[in-house]
Amino acid sequence: MSTLKEICKEQTELLNECRQNIKGLTEENKVLRLQSDTYFNEWQEAKKNYITLTDHIRLKASANPGEHRYIALVNFIDRLERD
């Protein structure tokens, strides 16, 4: 049979283990949040670049209606955005 002192010691060890787990999870959460923020910023930058590029291609196509390459690119962009 366990004594009260042994039970208290076990409970203290368990509590310390839980605290360590919480500390580890808190650190992991910080790392994941930073990673998420980084990916979000990269996605925003890629989106901005995509919009700039497609707007430029559409402008070129409207300024050069006889140029088949720009028209083909606009059609390709439209198909991509439709999907």
PDB file of N, CA and C in Angstrom:
ATOM      1  N   MET A   1       0.840  -1.171   0.000  1.00  0.00           N
ATOM      2  CA  MET A   1       0.000   0.000   0.000  1.00  0.00           C
ATOM      3  C   MET A   1       0.891   1.241   0.000  1.00  0.00           C
ATOM      4  N   SER A   2       0.510   2.235  -0.777  1.00  0.00           N
ATOM      5  CA  SER A   2       1.293   3.466  -0.884  1.00  0.00           C
ATOM      6  C   SER A   2       0.998   4.386   0.284  1.00  0.00           C
ATOM      7  N   THR A   3       2.034   5.042   0.691  1.00  0.00           N
ATOM      8  CA  THR A   3       1.851   6.026   1.757  1.00  0.00           C
ATOM      9  C   THR A   3       1.442   7.354   1.145  1.00  0.00           C
ATOM     10  N   LEU A   4       0.958   8.230   1.978  1.00  0.00           N
ATOM     11  CA  LEU A   4       0.546   9.555   1.518  1.00  0.00           C
ATOM     12  C   LEU A   4       1.723  10.305   0.907  1.00  0.00           C
ATOM     13  N   LYS A   5       2.895  10.132   1.492  1.00  0.00           N
ATOM     14  CA  LYS A   5       4.100  10.791   0.987  1.00  0.00           C
ATOM     15  C   LYS A   5       4.439  10.294  -0.427  1.00  0.00           C
ATOM     16  N   GLU A   6       4.311   8.987  -0.651  1.00  0.00           N
ATOM     17  CA  GLU A   6       4.571   8.415  -1.979  1.00  0.00           C
ATOM     18  C   GLU A   6       3.548   8.904  -3.001  1.00  0.00           C
ATOM     19  N   ILE A   7       2.299   8.974  -2.599  1.00  0.00           N
ATOM     20  CA  ILE A   7       1.239   9.458  -3.489  1.00  0.00           C
ATOM     21  C   ILE A   7       1.497  10.920  -3.868  1.00  0.00           C
ATOM     22  N   CYS A   8       1.871  11.736  -2.889  1.00  0.00           N
ATOM     23  CA  CYS A   8       2.165  13.149  -3.154  1.00  0.00           C
ATOM     24  C   CYS A   8       3.340  13.284  -4.115  1.00  0.00           C
ATOM     25  N   LYS A   9       4.364  12.434  -3.906  1.00  0.00           N
ATOM     26  CA  LYS A   9       5.534  12.468  -4.782  1.00  0.00           C
ATOM     27  C   LYS A   9       5.137  12.104  -6.214  1.00  0.00           C
ATOM     28  N   GLU A  10       4.335  11.065  -6.381  1.00  0.00           N
ATOM     29  CA  GLU A  10       3.866  10.647  -7.710  1.00  0.00           C
ATOM     30  C   GLU A  10       3.043  11.753  -8.373  1.00  0.00           C
ATOM     31  N   GLN A  11       2.161  12.357  -7.594  1.00  0.00           N
ATOM     32  CA  GLN A  11       1.318  13.431  -8.133  1.00  0.00           C
ATOM     33  C   GLN A  11       2.158  14.649  -8.530  1.00  0.00           C
ATOM     34  N   THR A  12       3.182  14.957  -7.743  1.00  0.00           N
ATOM     35  CA  THR A  12       4.075  16.068  -8.054  1.00  0.00           C
ATOM     36  C   THR A  12       4.845  15.790  -9.341  1.00  0.00           C
ATOM     37  N   GLU A  13       5.323  14.571  -9.491  1.00  0.00           N
ATOM     38  CA  GLU A  13       6.028  14.188 -10.721  1.00  0.00           C
ATOM     39  C   GLU A  13       5.104  14.273 -11.930  1.00  0.00           C
ATOM     40  N   LEU A  14       3.884  13.819 -11.753  1.00  0.00           N
ATOM     41  CA  LEU A  14       2.903  13.882 -12.830  1.00  0.00           C
ATOM     42  C   LEU A  14       2.591  15.331 -13.192  1.00  0.00           C
ATOM     43  N   LEU A  15       2.440  16.176 -12.201  1.00  0.00           N
ATOM     44  CA  LEU A  15       2.183  17.599 -12.426  1.00  0.00           C
ATOM     45  C   LEU A  15       3.344  18.250 -13.166  1.00  0.00           C
ATOM     46  N   ASN A  16       4.554  17.937 -12.761  1.00  0.00           N
ATOM     47  CA  ASN A  16       5.734  18.482 -13.444  1.00  0.00           C
ATOM     48  C   ASN A  16       5.814  18.015 -14.892  1.00  0.00           C
ATOM     49  N   GLU A  17       5.469  16.749 -15.116  1.00  0.00           N
ATOM     50  CA  GLU A  17       5.448  16.217 -16.475  1.00  0.00           C
ATOM     51  C   GLU A  17       4.405  16.951 -17.324  1.00  0.00           C
ATOM     52  N   CYS A  18       3.243  17.201 -16.750  1.00  0.00           N
ATOM     53  CA  CYS A  18       2.190  17.940 -17.456  1.00  0.00           C
ATOM     54  C   CYS A  18       2.656  19.362 -17.779  1.00  0.00           C
ATOM     55  N   ARG A  19       3.317  20.000 -16.832  1.00  0.00           N
ATOM     56  CA  ARG A  19       3.836  21.356 -17.070  1.00  0.00           C
ATOM     57  C   ARG A  19       4.842  21.360 -18.216  1.00  0.00           C
ATOM     58  N   GLN A  20       5.707  20.354 -18.248  1.00  0.00           N
ATOM     59  CA  GLN A  20       6.689  20.252 -19.328  1.00  0.00           C
ATOM     60  C   GLN A  20       5.993  20.043 -20.670  1.00  0.00           C
ATOM     61  N   ASN A  21       4.966  19.200 -20.676  1.00  0.00           N
ATOM     62  CA  ASN A  21       4.210  18.970 -21.908  1.00  0.00           C
ATOM     63  C   ASN A  21       3.548  20.250 -22.389  1.00  0.00           C
ATOM     64  N   ILE A  22       2.968  20.992 -21.463  1.00  0.00           N
ATOM     65  CA  ILE A  22       2.315  22.259 -21.822  1.00  0.00           C
ATOM     66  C   ILE A  22       3.350  23.241 -22.370  1.00  0.00           C
ATOM     67  N   LYS A  23       4.512  23.305 -21.726  1.00  0.00           N
ATOM     68  CA  LYS A  23       5.573  24.197 -22.192  1.00  0.00           C
ATOM     69  C   LYS A  23       6.008  23.812 -23.603  1.00  0.00           C
ATOM     70  N   GLY A  24       6.179  22.516 -23.843  1.00  0.00           N
ATOM     71  CA  GLY A  24       6.568  22.035 -25.168  1.00  0.00           C
ATOM     72  C   GLY A  24       5.514  22.345 -26.217  1.00  0.00           C
ATOM     73  N   LEU A  25       4.256  22.140 -25.872  1.00  0.00           N
ATOM     74  CA  LEU A  25       3.168  22.428 -26.812  1.00  0.00           C
ATOM     75  C   LEU A  25       3.047  23.920 -27.086  1.00  0.00           C
ATOM     76  N   THR A  26       3.305  24.733 -26.077  1.00  0.00           N
ATOM     77  CA  THR A  26       3.270  26.187 -26.261  1.00  0.00           C
ATOM     78  C   THR A  26       4.367  26.616 -27.239  1.00  0.00           C
ATOM     79  N   GLU A  27       5.549  26.058 -27.088  1.00  0.00           N
ATOM     80  CA  GLU A  27       6.652  26.376 -28.005  1.00  0.00           C
ATOM     81  C   GLU A  27       6.333  25.900 -29.423  1.00  0.00           C
ATOM     82  N   GLU A  28       5.778  24.700 -29.520  1.00  0.00           N
ATOM     83  CA  GLU A  28       5.404  24.172 -30.836  1.00  0.00           C
ATOM     84  C   GLU A  28       4.337  25.049 -31.483  1.00  0.00           C
ATOM     85  N   ASN A  29       3.413  25.531 -30.680  1.00  0.00           N
ATOM     86  CA  ASN A  29       2.369  26.416 -31.189  1.00  0.00           C
ATOM     87  C   ASN A  29       2.969  27.709 -31.741  1.00  0.00           C
ATOM     88  N   LYS A  30       3.962  28.259 -31.041  1.00  0.00           N
ATOM     89  CA  LYS A  30       4.628  29.476 -31.513  1.00  0.00           C
ATOM     90  C   LYS A  30       5.303  29.236 -32.861  1.00  0.00           C
ATOM     91  N   VAL A  31       5.977  28.095 -32.977  1.00  0.00           N
ATOM     92  CA  VAL A  31       6.657  27.756 -34.228  1.00  0.00           C
ATOM     93  C   VAL A  31       5.642  27.596 -35.360  1.00  0.00           C
ATOM     94  N   LEU A  32       4.554  26.905 -35.094  1.00  0.00           N
ATOM     95  CA  LEU A  32       3.522  26.705 -36.123  1.00  0.00           C
ATOM     96  C   LEU A  32       2.863  28.019 -36.523  1.00  0.00           C
ATOM     97  N   ARG A  33       2.652  28.908 -35.557  1.00  0.00           N
ATOM     98  CA  ARG A  33       2.061  30.208 -35.872  1.00  0.00           C
ATOM     99  C   ARG A  33       2.997  31.026 -36.770  1.00  0.00           C
ATOM    100  N   LEU A  34       4.286  31.004 -36.469  1.00  0.00           N
ATOM    101  CA  LEU A  34       5.270  31.704 -37.282  1.00  0.00           C
ATOM    102  C   LEU A  34       5.308  31.126 -38.694  1.00  0.00           C
ATOM    103  N   GLN A  35       5.276  29.804 -38.791  1.00  0.00           N
ATOM    104  CA  GLN A  35       5.269  29.145 -40.090  1.00  0.00           C
ATOM    105  C   GLN A  35       4.004  29.512 -40.866  1.00  0.00           C
ATOM    106  N   SER A  36       2.876  29.529 -40.191  1.00  0.00           N
ATOM    107  CA  SER A  36       1.617  29.891 -40.829  1.00  0.00           C
ATOM    108  C   SER A  36       1.665  31.327 -41.336  1.00  0.00           C
ATOM    109  N   ASP A  37       2.186  32.231 -40.526  1.00  0.00           N
ATOM    110  CA  ASP A  37       2.309  33.634 -40.944  1.00  0.00           C
ATOM    111  C   ASP A  37       3.224  33.765 -42.153  1.00  0.00           C
ATOM    112  N   THR A  38       4.311  33.007 -42.153  1.00  0.00           N
ATOM    113  CA  THR A  38       5.247  33.047 -43.283  1.00  0.00           C
ATOM    114  C   THR A  38       4.572  32.569 -44.554  1.00  0.00           C
ATOM    115  N   TYR A  39       3.874  31.427 -44.478  1.00  0.00           N
ATOM    116  CA  TYR A  39       3.178  30.901 -45.652  1.00  0.00           C
ATOM    117  C   TYR A  39       2.100  31.869 -46.139  1.00  0.00           C
ATOM    118  N   PHE A  40       1.389  32.484 -45.199  1.00  0.00           N
ATOM    119  CA  PHE A  40       0.351  33.437 -45.589  1.00  0.00           C
ATOM    120  C   PHE A  40       0.970  34.621 -46.324  1.00  0.00           C
ATOM    121  N   ASN A  41       2.079  35.150 -45.809  1.00  0.00           N
ATOM    122  CA  ASN A  41       2.741  36.279 -46.462  1.00  0.00           C
ATOM    123  C   ASN A  41       3.264  35.901 -47.847  1.00  0.00           C
ATOM    124  N   GLU A  42       3.818  34.698 -47.966  1.00  0.00           N
ATOM    125  CA  GLU A  42       4.282  34.228 -49.271  1.00  0.00           C
ATOM    126  C   GLU A  42       3.117  34.083 -50.244  1.00  0.00           C
ATOM    127  N   TRP A  43       1.996  33.569 -49.749  1.00  0.00           N
ATOM    128  CA  TRP A  43       0.811  33.416 -50.598  1.00  0.00           C
ATOM    129  C   TRP A  43       0.300  34.783 -51.052  1.00  0.00           C
ATOM    130  N   GLN A  44       0.280  35.752 -50.149  1.00  0.00           N
ATOM    131  CA  GLN A  44      -0.180  37.097 -50.505  1.00  0.00           C
ATOM    132  C   GLN A  44       0.730  37.714 -51.567  1.00  0.00           C
ATOM    133  N   GLU A  45       2.030  37.528 -51.416  1.00  0.00           N
ATOM    134  CA  GLU A  45       2.981  38.067 -52.392  1.00  0.00           C
ATOM    135  C   GLU A  45       2.808  37.390 -53.748  1.00  0.00           C
ATOM    136  N   ALA A  46       2.649  36.071 -53.753  1.00  0.00           N
ATOM    137  CA  ALA A  46       2.434  35.333 -55.005  1.00  0.00           C
ATOM    138  C   ALA A  46       1.129  35.776 -55.664  1.00  0.00           C
ATOM    139  N   LYS A  47       0.095  35.976 -54.866  1.00  0.00           N
ATOM    140  CA  LYS A  47      -1.191  36.433 -55.404  1.00  0.00           C
ATOM    141  C   LYS A  47      -1.048  37.812 -56.033  1.00  0.00           C
ATOM    142  N   LYS A  48      -0.325  38.707 -55.350  1.00  0.00           N
ATOM    143  CA  LYS A  48      -0.107  40.056 -55.873  1.00  0.00           C
ATOM    144  C   LYS A  48       0.656  40.003 -57.201  1.00  0.00           C
ATOM    145  N   ASN A  49       1.696  39.161 -57.251  1.00  0.00           N
ATOM    146  CA  ASN A  49       2.473  39.011 -58.490  1.00  0.00           C
ATOM    147  C   ASN A  49       1.620  38.429 -59.611  1.00  0.00           C
ATOM    148  N   TYR A  50       0.781  37.455 -59.274  1.00  0.00           N
ATOM    149  CA  TYR A  50      -0.103  36.847 -60.280  1.00  0.00           C
ATOM    150  C   TYR A  50      -1.053  37.892 -60.851  1.00  0.00           C
ATOM    151  N   ILE A  51      -1.646  38.688 -59.986  1.00  0.00           N
ATOM    152  CA  ILE A  51      -2.587  39.715 -60.444  1.00  0.00           C
ATOM    153  C   ILE A  51      -1.879  40.746 -61.313  1.00  0.00           C
ATOM    154  N   THR A  52      -0.681  41.163 -60.895  1.00  0.00           N
ATOM    155  CA  THR A  52       0.087  42.121 -61.686  1.00  0.00           C
ATOM    156  C   THR A  52       0.394  41.555 -63.067  1.00  0.00           C
ATOM    157  N   LEU A  53       0.842  40.316 -63.114  1.00  0.00           N
ATOM    158  CA  LEU A  53       1.188  39.686 -64.386  1.00  0.00           C
ATOM    159  C   LEU A  53      -0.034  39.518 -65.285  1.00  0.00           C
ATOM    160  N   THR A  54      -1.132  38.998 -64.742  1.00  0.00           N
ATOM    161  CA  THR A  54      -2.319  38.783 -65.575  1.00  0.00           C
ATOM    162  C   THR A  54      -2.923  40.100 -66.034  1.00  0.00           C
ATOM    163  N   ASP A  55      -2.889  41.118 -65.185  1.00  0.00           N
ATOM    164  CA  ASP A  55      -3.374  42.440 -65.615  1.00  0.00           C
ATOM    165  C   ASP A  55      -2.521  42.984 -66.754  1.00  0.00           C
ATOM    166  N   HIS A  56      -1.223  42.791 -66.659  1.00  0.00           N
ATOM    167  CA  HIS A  56      -0.311  43.250 -67.717  1.00  0.00           C
ATOM    168  C   HIS A  56      -0.600  42.520 -69.030  1.00  0.00           C
ATOM    169  N   ILE A  57      -0.789  41.205 -68.954  1.00  0.00           N
ATOM    170  CA  ILE A  57      -1.074  40.423 -70.159  1.00  0.00           C
ATOM    171  C   ILE A  57      -2.397  40.856 -70.767  1.00  0.00           C
ATOM    172  N   ARG A  58      -3.413  41.066 -69.944  1.00  0.00           N
ATOM    173  CA  ARG A  58      -4.718  41.505 -70.455  1.00  0.00           C
ATOM    174  C   ARG A  58      -4.614  42.891 -71.106  1.00  0.00           C
ATOM    175  N   LEU A  59      -3.830  43.779 -70.504  1.00  0.00           N
ATOM    176  CA  LEU A  59      -3.629  45.115 -71.062  1.00  0.00           C
ATOM    177  C   LEU A  59      -2.929  45.018 -72.412  1.00  0.00           C
ATOM    178  N   LYS A  60      -1.902  44.200 -72.499  1.00  0.00           N
ATOM    179  CA  LYS A  60      -1.190  44.003 -73.768  1.00  0.00           C
ATOM    180  C   LYS A  60      -2.125  43.425 -74.836  1.00  0.00           C
ATOM    181  N   ALA A  61      -2.979  42.483 -74.424  1.00  0.00           N
ATOM    182  CA  ALA A  61      -3.909  41.875 -75.375  1.00  0.00           C
ATOM    183  C   ALA A  61      -4.912  42.901 -75.884  1.00  0.00           C
ATOM    184  N   SER A  62      -5.400  43.774 -75.005  1.00  0.00           N
ATOM    185  CA  SER A  62      -6.365  44.784 -75.448  1.00  0.00           C
ATOM    186  C   SER A  62      -5.696  45.865 -76.297  1.00  0.00           C
ATOM    187  N   ALA A  63      -4.417  46.136 -76.045  1.00  0.00           N
ATOM    188  CA  ALA A  63      -3.705  47.146 -76.837  1.00  0.00           C
ATOM    189  C   ALA A  63      -3.223  46.579 -78.167  1.00  0.00           C
ATOM    190  N   ASN A  64      -3.108  45.279 -78.258  1.00  0.00           N
ATOM    191  CA  ASN A  64      -2.638  44.615 -79.481  1.00  0.00           C
ATOM    192  C   ASN A  64      -3.610  43.503 -79.871  1.00  0.00           C
ATOM    193  N   PRO A  65      -4.813  43.861 -80.306  1.00  0.00           N
ATOM    194  CA  PRO A  65      -5.829  42.825 -80.565  1.00  0.00           C
ATOM    195  C   PRO A  65      -5.458  41.840 -81.671  1.00  0.00           C
ATOM    196  N   GLY A  66      -4.522  42.200 -82.517  1.00  0.00           N
ATOM    197  CA  GLY A  66      -4.114  41.297 -83.593  1.00  0.00           C
ATOM    198  C   GLY A  66      -3.007  40.343 -83.187  1.00  0.00           C
ATOM    199  N   GLU A  67      -2.462  40.517 -82.012  1.00  0.00           N
ATOM    200  CA  GLU A  67      -1.352  39.667 -81.563  1.00  0.00           C
ATOM    201  C   GLU A  67      -1.899  38.391 -80.942  1.00  0.00           C
ATOM    202  N   HIS A  68      -1.738  37.281 -81.644  1.00  0.00           N
ATOM    203  CA  HIS A  68      -2.333  36.009 -81.217  1.00  0.00           C
ATOM    204  C   HIS A  68      -1.726  35.465 -79.919  1.00  0.00           C
ATOM    205  N   ARG A  69      -0.457  35.788 -79.629  1.00  0.00           N
ATOM    206  CA  ARG A  69       0.171  35.265 -78.407  1.00  0.00           C
ATOM    207  C   ARG A  69      -0.512  35.812 -77.160  1.00  0.00           C
ATOM    208  N   TYR A  70      -0.817  37.121 -77.159  1.00  0.00           N
ATOM    209  CA  TYR A  70      -1.485  37.707 -75.997  1.00  0.00           C
ATOM    210  C   TYR A  70      -2.909  37.163 -75.845  1.00  0.00           C
ATOM    211  N   ILE A  71      -3.592  37.022 -76.968  1.00  0.00           N
ATOM    212  CA  ILE A  71      -4.955  36.485 -76.936  1.00  0.00           C
ATOM    213  C   ILE A  71      -4.930  35.048 -76.383  1.00  0.00           C
ATOM    214  N   ALA A  72      -3.967  34.251 -76.840  1.00  0.00           N
ATOM    215  CA  ALA A  72      -3.848  32.873 -76.362  1.00  0.00           C
ATOM    216  C   ALA A  72      -3.554  32.853 -74.858  1.00  0.00           C
ATOM    217  N   LEU A  73      -2.695  33.767 -74.391  1.00  0.00           N
ATOM    218  CA  LEU A  73      -2.403  33.833 -72.959  1.00  0.00           C
ATOM    219  C   LEU A  73      -3.637  34.220 -72.153  1.00  0.00           C
ATOM    220  N   VAL A  74      -4.396  35.189 -72.638  1.00  0.00           N
ATOM    221  CA  VAL A  74      -5.617  35.605 -71.939  1.00  0.00           C
ATOM    222  C   VAL A  74      -6.601  34.443 -71.885  1.00  0.00           C
ATOM    223  N   ASN A  75      -6.740  33.717 -72.975  1.00  0.00           N
ATOM    224  CA  ASN A  75      -7.632  32.553 -72.988  1.00  0.00           C
ATOM    225  C   ASN A  75      -7.160  31.494 -71.992  1.00  0.00           C
ATOM    226  N   PHE A  76      -5.855  31.291 -71.920  1.00  0.00           N
ATOM    227  CA  PHE A  76      -5.290  30.329 -70.975  1.00  0.00           C
ATOM    228  C   PHE A  76      -5.567  30.766 -69.537  1.00  0.00           C
ATOM    229  N   ILE A  77      -5.352  32.041 -69.248  1.00  0.00           N
ATOM    230  CA  ILE A  77      -5.627  32.582 -67.912  1.00  0.00           C
ATOM    231  C   ILE A  77      -7.098  32.411 -67.562  1.00  0.00           C
ATOM    232  N   ASP A  78      -7.960  32.717 -68.503  1.00  0.00           N
ATOM    233  CA  ASP A  78      -9.402  32.572 -68.261  1.00  0.00           C
ATOM    234  C   ASP A  78      -9.763  31.118 -67.936  1.00  0.00           C
ATOM    235  N   ARG A  79      -9.153  30.167 -68.654  1.00  0.00           N
ATOM    236  CA  ARG A  79      -9.425  28.754 -68.379  1.00  0.00           C
ATOM    237  C   ARG A  79      -8.919  28.366 -66.980  1.00  0.00           C
ATOM    238  N   LEU A  80      -7.744  28.841 -66.618  1.00  0.00           N
ATOM    239  CA  LEU A  80      -7.206  28.552 -65.283  1.00  0.00           C
ATOM    240  C   LEU A  80      -8.114  29.100 -64.181  1.00  0.00           C
ATOM    241  N   GLU A  81      -8.568  30.308 -64.362  1.00  0.00           N
ATOM    242  CA  GLU A  81      -9.389  30.955 -63.331  1.00  0.00           C
ATOM    243  C   GLU A  81     -10.790  30.377 -63.284  1.00  0.00           C
ATOM    244  N   ARG A  82     -11.235  29.790 -64.365  1.00  0.00           N
ATOM    245  CA  ARG A  82     -12.557  29.180 -64.392  1.00  0.00           C
ATOM    246  C   ARG A  82     -12.579  27.888 -63.588  1.00  0.00           C
ATOM    247  N   ASP A  83     -11.464  27.174 -63.578  1.00  0.00           N
ATOM    248  CA  ASP A  83     -11.383  25.873 -62.882  1.00  0.00           C
ATOM    249  C   ASP A  83     -11.252  26.038 -61.440  1.00  0.00           C
TER     250      ASP A  83
END
